[in-house]
């Protein structure tokens, strides 16, 4: 059986009063979304990753995924169109 992780990355970051969504903010120069993806990518329990993000962020998310050079397959919402 294959196990996937669904990462909810659709927040607007309003509670943080940030100028952009929280998942795109950086910690020590690395976007929070990339830090999250790396944790799931490193887990032996996870076979693939699905990122749920707003349609308008899909290009930015895909760029982050490409730059992160993850070993596991990652799907973004528009892949389902």
PDB file of N, CA and C in Angstrom:
ATOM      1  N   UNK A   1       0.840  -1.176   0.000  1.00  0.00           N
ATOM      2  CA  UNK A   1       0.000   0.000   0.000  1.00  0.00           C
ATOM      3  C   UNK A   1       0.891   1.247   0.000  1.00  0.00           C
ATOM      4  N   UNK A   2       0.529   2.205  -0.820  1.00  0.00           N
ATOM      5  CA  UNK A   2       1.262   3.481  -0.878  1.00  0.00           C
ATOM      6  C   UNK A   2       0.586   4.484   0.049  1.00  0.00           C
ATOM      7  N   UNK A   3       1.413   5.302   0.668  1.00  0.00           N
ATOM      8  CA  UNK A   3       0.911   6.315   1.604  1.00  0.00           C
ATOM      9  C   UNK A   3       1.351   7.695   1.119  1.00  0.00           C
ATOM     10  N   UNK A   4       0.384   8.607   1.049  1.00  0.00           N
ATOM     11  CA  UNK A   4       0.685   9.970   0.631  1.00  0.00           C
ATOM     12  C   UNK A   4       0.461  10.954   1.763  1.00  0.00           C
ATOM     13  N   UNK A   5       1.120  12.073   1.658  1.00  0.00           N
ATOM     14  CA  UNK A   5       0.923  13.176   2.604  1.00  0.00           C
ATOM     15  C   UNK A   5       0.282  14.322   1.841  1.00  0.00           C
ATOM     16  N   UNK A   6      -0.782  14.875   2.401  1.00  0.00           N
ATOM     17  CA  UNK A   6      -1.422  16.049   1.816  1.00  0.00           C
ATOM     18  C   UNK A   6      -1.021  17.250   2.658  1.00  0.00           C
ATOM     19  N   UNK A   7      -0.373  18.211   2.023  1.00  0.00           N
ATOM     20  CA  UNK A   7       0.075  19.407   2.720  1.00  0.00           C
ATOM     21  C   UNK A   7      -0.857  20.553   2.362  1.00  0.00           C
ATOM     22  N   UNK A   8      -1.512  21.081   3.371  1.00  0.00           N
ATOM     23  CA  UNK A   8      -2.405  22.221   3.178  1.00  0.00           C
ATOM     24  C   UNK A   8      -1.562  23.491   3.152  1.00  0.00           C
ATOM     25  N   UNK A   9      -1.467  24.092   1.981  1.00  0.00           N
ATOM     26  CA  UNK A   9      -0.656  25.303   1.812  1.00  0.00           C
ATOM     27  C   UNK A   9      -1.494  26.375   1.140  1.00  0.00           C
ATOM     28  N   UNK A  10      -2.685  26.575   1.682  1.00  0.00           N
ATOM     29  CA  UNK A  10      -3.622  27.500   1.032  1.00  0.00           C
ATOM     30  C   UNK A  10      -3.956  28.712   1.891  1.00  0.00           C
ATOM     31  N   UNK A  11      -3.302  28.850   3.017  1.00  0.00           N
ATOM     32  CA  UNK A  11      -3.598  29.973   3.901  1.00  0.00           C
ATOM     33  C   UNK A  11      -3.169  31.307   3.317  1.00  0.00           C
ATOM     34  N   UNK A  12      -3.789  32.363   3.815  1.00  0.00           N
ATOM     35  CA  UNK A  12      -3.476  33.712   3.329  1.00  0.00           C
ATOM     36  C   UNK A  12      -2.492  34.444   4.240  1.00  0.00           C
ATOM     37  N   UNK A  13      -2.270  33.953   5.448  1.00  0.00           N
ATOM     38  CA  UNK A  13      -1.337  34.586   6.370  1.00  0.00           C
ATOM     39  C   UNK A  13      -1.878  35.834   7.044  1.00  0.00           C
ATOM     40  N   UNK A  14      -3.194  36.005   7.041  1.00  0.00           N
ATOM     41  CA  UNK A  14      -3.783  37.223   7.639  1.00  0.00           C
ATOM     42  C   UNK A  14      -3.518  37.331   9.137  1.00  0.00           C
ATOM     43  N   UNK A  15      -3.611  36.223   9.854  1.00  0.00           N
ATOM     44  CA  UNK A  15      -3.381  36.291  11.309  1.00  0.00           C
ATOM     45  C   UNK A  15      -1.950  36.685  11.634  1.00  0.00           C
ATOM     46  N   UNK A  16      -1.037  36.370  10.742  1.00  0.00           N
ATOM     47  CA  UNK A  16       0.368  36.743  10.966  1.00  0.00           C
ATOM     48  C   UNK A  16       0.631  38.179  10.550  1.00  0.00           C
ATOM     49  N   UNK A  17      -0.351  38.778   9.891  1.00  0.00           N
ATOM     50  CA  UNK A  17      -0.207  40.141   9.377  1.00  0.00           C
ATOM     51  C   UNK A  17       1.020  40.251   8.466  1.00  0.00           C
ATOM     52  N   UNK A  18       1.223  39.208   7.675  1.00  0.00           N
ATOM     53  CA  UNK A  18       2.343  39.174   6.737  1.00  0.00           C
ATOM     54  C   UNK A  18       1.889  39.712   5.382  1.00  0.00           C
ATOM     55  N   UNK A  19       2.844  40.107   4.584  1.00  0.00           N
ATOM     56  CA  UNK A  19       2.516  40.625   3.259  1.00  0.00           C
ATOM     57  C   UNK A  19       2.321  39.508   2.234  1.00  0.00           C
ATOM     58  N   UNK A  20       2.547  38.277   2.660  1.00  0.00           N
ATOM     59  CA  UNK A  20       2.329  37.120   1.779  1.00  0.00           C
ATOM     60  C   UNK A  20       1.947  35.907   2.608  1.00  0.00           C
ATOM     61  N   UNK A  21       1.433  34.854   1.984  1.00  0.00           N
ATOM     62  CA  UNK A  21       1.015  33.668   2.739  1.00  0.00           C
ATOM     63  C   UNK A  21       2.161  33.056   3.559  1.00  0.00           C
ATOM     64  N   UNK A  22       1.805  32.541   4.704  1.00  0.00           N
ATOM     65  CA  UNK A  22       2.779  31.978   5.652  1.00  0.00           C
ATOM     66  C   UNK A  22       3.668  30.908   5.011  1.00  0.00           C
ATOM     67  N   UNK A  23       3.092  30.070   4.158  1.00  0.00           N
ATOM     68  CA  UNK A  23       3.877  28.984   3.573  1.00  0.00           C
ATOM     69  C   UNK A  23       5.024  29.481   2.691  1.00  0.00           C
ATOM     70  N   UNK A  24       4.956  30.746   2.260  1.00  0.00           N
ATOM     71  CA  UNK A  24       6.015  31.311   1.426  1.00  0.00           C
ATOM     72  C   UNK A  24       7.020  32.138   2.221  1.00  0.00           C
ATOM     73  N   UNK A  25       6.741  32.373   3.501  1.00  0.00           N
ATOM     74  CA  UNK A  25       7.692  33.097   4.348  1.00  0.00           C
ATOM     75  C   UNK A  25       8.900  32.201   4.603  1.00  0.00           C
ATOM     76  N   UNK A  26      10.036  32.810   4.874  1.00  0.00           N
ATOM     77  CA  UNK A  26      11.268  32.043   5.059  1.00  0.00           C
ATOM     78  C   UNK A  26      11.707  31.987   6.509  1.00  0.00           C
ATOM     79  N   UNK A  27      12.295  30.870   6.862  1.00  0.00           N
ATOM     80  CA  UNK A  27      12.993  30.682   8.133  1.00  0.00           C
ATOM     81  C   UNK A  27      14.432  30.373   7.774  1.00  0.00           C
ATOM     82  N   UNK A  28      15.343  31.208   8.224  1.00  0.00           N
ATOM     83  CA  UNK A  28      16.762  31.047   7.907  1.00  0.00           C
ATOM     84  C   UNK A  28      16.978  30.918   6.396  1.00  0.00           C
ATOM     85  N   UNK A  29      16.196  31.696   5.620  1.00  0.00           N
ATOM     86  CA  UNK A  29      16.375  31.739   4.178  1.00  0.00           C
ATOM     87  C   UNK A  29      15.690  30.646   3.372  1.00  0.00           C
ATOM     88  N   UNK A  30      14.928  29.787   4.048  1.00  0.00           N
ATOM     89  CA  UNK A  30      14.248  28.687   3.357  1.00  0.00           C
ATOM     90  C   UNK A  30      12.744  28.826   3.576  1.00  0.00           C
ATOM     91  N   UNK A  31      11.943  28.807   2.492  1.00  0.00           N
ATOM     92  CA  UNK A  31      10.493  28.931   2.654  1.00  0.00           C
ATOM     93  C   UNK A  31       9.923  27.818   3.549  1.00  0.00           C
ATOM     94  N   UNK A  32       8.961  28.183   4.371  1.00  0.00           N
ATOM     95  CA  UNK A  32       8.327  27.228   5.285  1.00  0.00           C
ATOM     96  C   UNK A  32       7.791  26.021   4.524  1.00  0.00           C
ATOM     97  N   UNK A  33       7.225  26.236   3.347  1.00  0.00           N
ATOM     98  CA  UNK A  33       6.712  25.118   2.550  1.00  0.00           C
ATOM     99  C   UNK A  33       7.830  24.144   2.197  1.00  0.00           C
ATOM    100  N   UNK A  34       8.977  24.643   1.818  1.00  0.00           N
ATOM    101  CA  UNK A  34      10.104  23.770   1.475  1.00  0.00           C
ATOM    102  C   UNK A  34      10.580  22.998   2.704  1.00  0.00           C
ATOM    103  N   UNK A  35      10.643  23.654   3.848  1.00  0.00           N
ATOM    104  CA  UNK A  35      11.032  22.956   5.081  1.00  0.00           C
ATOM    105  C   UNK A  35      10.055  21.811   5.373  1.00  0.00           C
ATOM    106  N   UNK A  36       8.773  22.076   5.179  1.00  0.00           N
ATOM    107  CA  UNK A  36       7.749  21.054   5.404  1.00  0.00           C
ATOM    108  C   UNK A  36       7.900  19.907   4.410  1.00  0.00           C
ATOM    109  N   UNK A  37       8.073  20.240   3.147  1.00  0.00           N
ATOM    110  CA  UNK A  37       8.236  19.212   2.113  1.00  0.00           C
ATOM    111  C   UNK A  37       9.434  18.319   2.402  1.00  0.00           C
ATOM    112  N   UNK A  38      10.518  18.907   2.841  1.00  0.00           N
ATOM    113  CA  UNK A  38      11.728  18.123   3.133  1.00  0.00           C
ATOM    114  C   UNK A  38      11.498  17.108   4.248  1.00  0.00           C
ATOM    115  N   UNK A  39      10.707  17.488   5.241  1.00  0.00           N
ATOM    116  CA  UNK A  39      10.411  16.552   6.341  1.00  0.00           C
ATOM    117  C   UNK A  39       9.647  15.334   5.825  1.00  0.00           C
ATOM    118  N   UNK A  40       8.629  15.577   4.998  1.00  0.00           N
ATOM    119  CA  UNK A  40       7.859  14.457   4.445  1.00  0.00           C
ATOM    120  C   UNK A  40       8.690  13.665   3.439  1.00  0.00           C
ATOM    121  N   UNK A  41       9.529  14.335   2.673  1.00  0.00           N
ATOM    122  CA  UNK A  41      10.385  13.660   1.705  1.00  0.00           C
ATOM    123  C   UNK A  41      11.357  12.717   2.411  1.00  0.00           C
ATOM    124  N   UNK A  42      11.793  13.092   3.590  1.00  0.00           N
ATOM    125  CA  UNK A  42      12.746  12.275   4.346  1.00  0.00           C
ATOM    126  C   UNK A  42      12.093  11.112   5.089  1.00  0.00           C
ATOM    127  N   UNK A  43      10.780  11.147   5.226  1.00  0.00           N
ATOM    128  CA  UNK A  43      10.087  10.109   5.996  1.00  0.00           C
ATOM    129  C   UNK A  43       9.968   8.803   5.210  1.00  0.00           C
ATOM    130  N   UNK A  44      10.383   7.698   5.804  1.00  0.00           N
ATOM    131  CA  UNK A  44      10.242   6.408   5.126  1.00  0.00           C
ATOM    132  C   UNK A  44       8.773   5.938   5.067  1.00  0.00           C
ATOM    133  N   UNK A  45       7.905   6.602   5.792  1.00  0.00           N
ATOM    134  CA  UNK A  45       6.487   6.215   5.815  1.00  0.00           C
ATOM    135  C   UNK A  45       5.682   6.814   4.668  1.00  0.00           C
ATOM    136  N   UNK A  46       6.245   7.829   4.004  1.00  0.00           N
ATOM    137  CA  UNK A  46       5.528   8.566   2.958  1.00  0.00           C
ATOM    138  C   UNK A  46       6.093   8.196   1.584  1.00  0.00           C
ATOM    139  N   UNK A  47       5.169   7.905   0.640  1.00  0.00           N
ATOM    140  CA  UNK A  47       5.575   7.543  -0.717  1.00  0.00           C
ATOM    141  C   UNK A  47       5.445   8.700  -1.711  1.00  0.00           C
ATOM    142  N   UNK A  48       4.490   9.581  -1.477  1.00  0.00           N
ATOM    143  CA  UNK A  48       4.285  10.720  -2.372  1.00  0.00           C
ATOM    144  C   UNK A  48       3.650  11.867  -1.599  1.00  0.00           C
ATOM    145  N   UNK A  49       3.703  13.064  -2.190  1.00  0.00           N
ATOM    146  CA  UNK A  49       3.217  14.269  -1.512  1.00  0.00           C
ATOM    147  C   UNK A  49       2.260  15.014  -2.438  1.00  0.00           C
ATOM    148  N   UNK A  50       1.156  15.483  -1.875  1.00  0.00           N
ATOM    149  CA  UNK A  50       0.198  16.314  -2.597  1.00  0.00           C
ATOM    150  C   UNK A  50       0.144  17.657  -1.878  1.00  0.00           C
ATOM    151  N   UNK A  51       0.273  18.740  -2.641  1.00  0.00           N
ATOM    152  CA  UNK A  51       0.199  20.075  -2.054  1.00  0.00           C
ATOM    153  C   UNK A  51      -1.102  20.729  -2.483  1.00  0.00           C
ATOM    154  N   UNK A  52      -1.917  21.086  -1.516  1.00  0.00           N
ATOM    155  CA  UNK A  52      -3.157  21.816  -1.777  1.00  0.00           C
ATOM    156  C   UNK A  52      -2.866  23.296  -1.595  1.00  0.00           C
ATOM    157  N   UNK A  53      -2.887  24.029  -2.698  1.00  0.00           N
ATOM    158  CA  UNK A  53      -2.598  25.461  -2.643  1.00  0.00           C
ATOM    159  C   UNK A  53      -3.578  26.199  -3.542  1.00  0.00           C
ATOM    160  N   UNK A  54      -3.718  27.500  -3.345  1.00  0.00           N
ATOM    161  CA  UNK A  54      -4.607  28.266  -4.217  1.00  0.00           C
ATOM    162  C   UNK A  54      -4.110  28.221  -5.662  1.00  0.00           C
ATOM    163  N   UNK A  55      -5.038  28.200  -6.577  1.00  0.00           N
ATOM    164  CA  UNK A  55      -4.689  28.136  -8.001  1.00  0.00           C
ATOM    165  C   UNK A  55      -3.689  29.230  -8.392  1.00  0.00           C
ATOM    166  N   UNK A  56      -3.853  30.426  -7.814  1.00  0.00           N
ATOM    167  CA  UNK A  56      -2.962  31.527  -8.182  1.00  0.00           C
ATOM    168  C   UNK A  56      -1.539  31.347  -7.651  1.00  0.00           C
ATOM    169  N   UNK A  57      -1.327  30.374  -6.773  1.00  0.00           N
ATOM    170  CA  UNK A  57       0.010  30.132  -6.215  1.00  0.00           C
ATOM    171  C   UNK A  57       0.695  28.908  -6.806  1.00  0.00           C
ATOM    172  N   UNK A  58       0.010  28.201  -7.673  1.00  0.00           N
ATOM    173  CA  UNK A  58       0.535  26.930  -8.174  1.00  0.00           C
ATOM    174  C   UNK A  58       1.896  27.093  -8.854  1.00  0.00           C
ATOM    175  N   UNK A  59       2.076  28.115  -9.660  1.00  0.00           N
ATOM    176  CA  UNK A  59       3.372  28.303 -10.329  1.00  0.00           C
ATOM    177  C   UNK A  59       4.491  28.517  -9.325  1.00  0.00           C
ATOM    178  N   UNK A  60       4.233  29.326  -8.304  1.00  0.00           N
ATOM    179  CA  UNK A  60       5.250  29.565  -7.273  1.00  0.00           C
ATOM    180  C   UNK A  60       5.546  28.284  -6.501  1.00  0.00           C
ATOM    181  N   UNK A  61       4.502  27.525  -6.196  1.00  0.00           N
ATOM    182  CA  UNK A  61       4.681  26.257  -5.475  1.00  0.00           C
ATOM    183  C   UNK A  61       5.507  25.290  -6.324  1.00  0.00           C
ATOM    184  N   UNK A  62       5.175  25.165  -7.597  1.00  0.00           N
ATOM    185  CA  UNK A  62       5.927  24.255  -8.476  1.00  0.00           C
ATOM    186  C   UNK A  62       7.398  24.659  -8.574  1.00  0.00           C
ATOM    187  N   UNK A  63       7.655  25.953  -8.620  1.00  0.00           N
ATOM    188  CA  UNK A  63       9.039  26.430  -8.674  1.00  0.00           C
ATOM    189  C   UNK A  63       9.789  26.040  -7.403  1.00  0.00           C
ATOM    190  N   UNK A  64       9.129  26.192  -6.254  1.00  0.00           N
ATOM    191  CA  UNK A  64       9.755  25.804  -4.979  1.00  0.00           C
ATOM    192  C   UNK A  64      10.036  24.308  -4.952  1.00  0.00           C
ATOM    193  N   UNK A  65       9.088  23.520  -5.435  1.00  0.00           N
ATOM    194  CA  UNK A  65       9.260  22.060  -5.465  1.00  0.00           C
ATOM    195  C   UNK A  65      10.451  21.699  -6.345  1.00  0.00           C
ATOM    196  N   UNK A  66      10.540  22.305  -7.514  1.00  0.00           N
ATOM    197  CA  UNK A  66      11.662  22.024  -8.421  1.00  0.00           C
ATOM    198  C   UNK A  66      12.998  22.383  -7.778  1.00  0.00           C
ATOM    199  N   UNK A  67      13.051  23.524  -7.130  1.00  0.00           N
ATOM    200  CA  UNK A  67      14.294  23.972  -6.502  1.00  0.00           C
ATOM    201  C   UNK A  67      14.673  23.130  -5.288  1.00  0.00           C
ATOM    202  N   UNK A  68      13.676  22.535  -4.636  1.00  0.00           N
ATOM    203  CA  UNK A  68      13.942  21.725  -3.439  1.00  0.00           C
ATOM    204  C   UNK A  68      14.583  20.379  -3.780  1.00  0.00           C
ATOM    205  N   UNK A  69      14.480  19.949  -5.048  1.00  0.00           N
ATOM    206  CA  UNK A  69      15.078  18.687  -5.496  1.00  0.00           C
ATOM    207  C   UNK A  69      14.698  17.516  -4.588  1.00  0.00           C
ATOM    208  N   UNK A  70      13.408  17.304  -4.445  1.00  0.00           N
ATOM    209  CA  UNK A  70      12.897  16.229  -3.598  1.00  0.00           C
ATOM    210  C   UNK A  70      12.994  14.884  -4.306  1.00  0.00           C
ATOM    211  N   UNK A  71      13.124  13.824  -3.535  1.00  0.00           N
ATOM    212  CA  UNK A  71      13.228  12.477  -4.096  1.00  0.00           C
ATOM    213  C   UNK A  71      11.857  11.885  -4.428  1.00  0.00           C
ATOM    214  N   UNK A  72      10.848  12.255  -3.670  1.00  0.00           N
ATOM    215  CA  UNK A  72       9.510  11.674  -3.847  1.00  0.00           C
ATOM    216  C   UNK A  72       8.676  12.503  -4.821  1.00  0.00           C
ATOM    217  N   UNK A  73       7.724  11.860  -5.486  1.00  0.00           N
ATOM    218  CA  UNK A  73       6.855  12.620  -6.390  1.00  0.00           C
ATOM    219  C   UNK A  73       5.972  13.584  -5.620  1.00  0.00           C
ATOM    220  N   UNK A  74       5.823  14.779  -6.187  1.00  0.00           N
ATOM    221  CA  UNK A  74       4.988  15.824  -5.581  1.00  0.00           C
ATOM    222  C   UNK A  74       3.963  16.259  -6.627  1.00  0.00           C
ATOM    223  N   UNK A  75       2.702  16.308  -6.213  1.00  0.00           N
ATOM    224  CA  UNK A  75       1.620  16.725  -7.093  1.00  0.00           C
ATOM    225  C   UNK A  75       1.031  18.024  -6.580  1.00  0.00           C
ATOM    226  N   UNK A  76       0.706  18.917  -7.502  1.00  0.00           N
ATOM    227  CA  UNK A  76       0.024  20.158  -7.160  1.00  0.00           C
ATOM    228  C   UNK A  76      -1.365  20.121  -7.788  1.00  0.00           C
ATOM    229  N   UNK A  77      -2.303  20.929  -7.283  1.00  0.00           N
ATOM    230  CA  UNK A  77      -3.710  20.829  -7.701  1.00  0.00           C
ATOM    231  C   UNK A  77      -3.962  20.841  -9.191  1.00  0.00           C
ATOM    232  N   UNK A  78      -3.238  21.614  -9.948  1.00  0.00           N
ATOM    233  CA  UNK A  78      -3.535  21.717 -11.387  1.00  0.00           C
ATOM    234  C   UNK A  78      -3.212  20.437 -12.130  1.00  0.00           C
ATOM    235  N   UNK A  79      -2.452  19.526 -11.513  1.00  0.00           N
ATOM    236  CA  UNK A  79      -2.181  18.240 -12.152  1.00  0.00           C
ATOM    237  C   UNK A  79      -3.468  17.424 -12.308  1.00  0.00           C
ATOM    238  N   UNK A  80      -4.516  17.778 -11.569  1.00  0.00           N
ATOM    239  CA  UNK A  80      -5.766  17.047 -11.606  1.00  0.00           C
ATOM    240  C   UNK A  80      -6.709  17.561 -12.671  1.00  0.00           C
ATOM    241  N   UNK A  81      -6.396  18.700 -13.310  1.00  0.00           N
ATOM    242  CA  UNK A  81      -7.269  19.283 -14.328  1.00  0.00           C
ATOM    243  C   UNK A  81      -7.395  18.376 -15.531  1.00  0.00           C
TER     244      UNK A  81
END
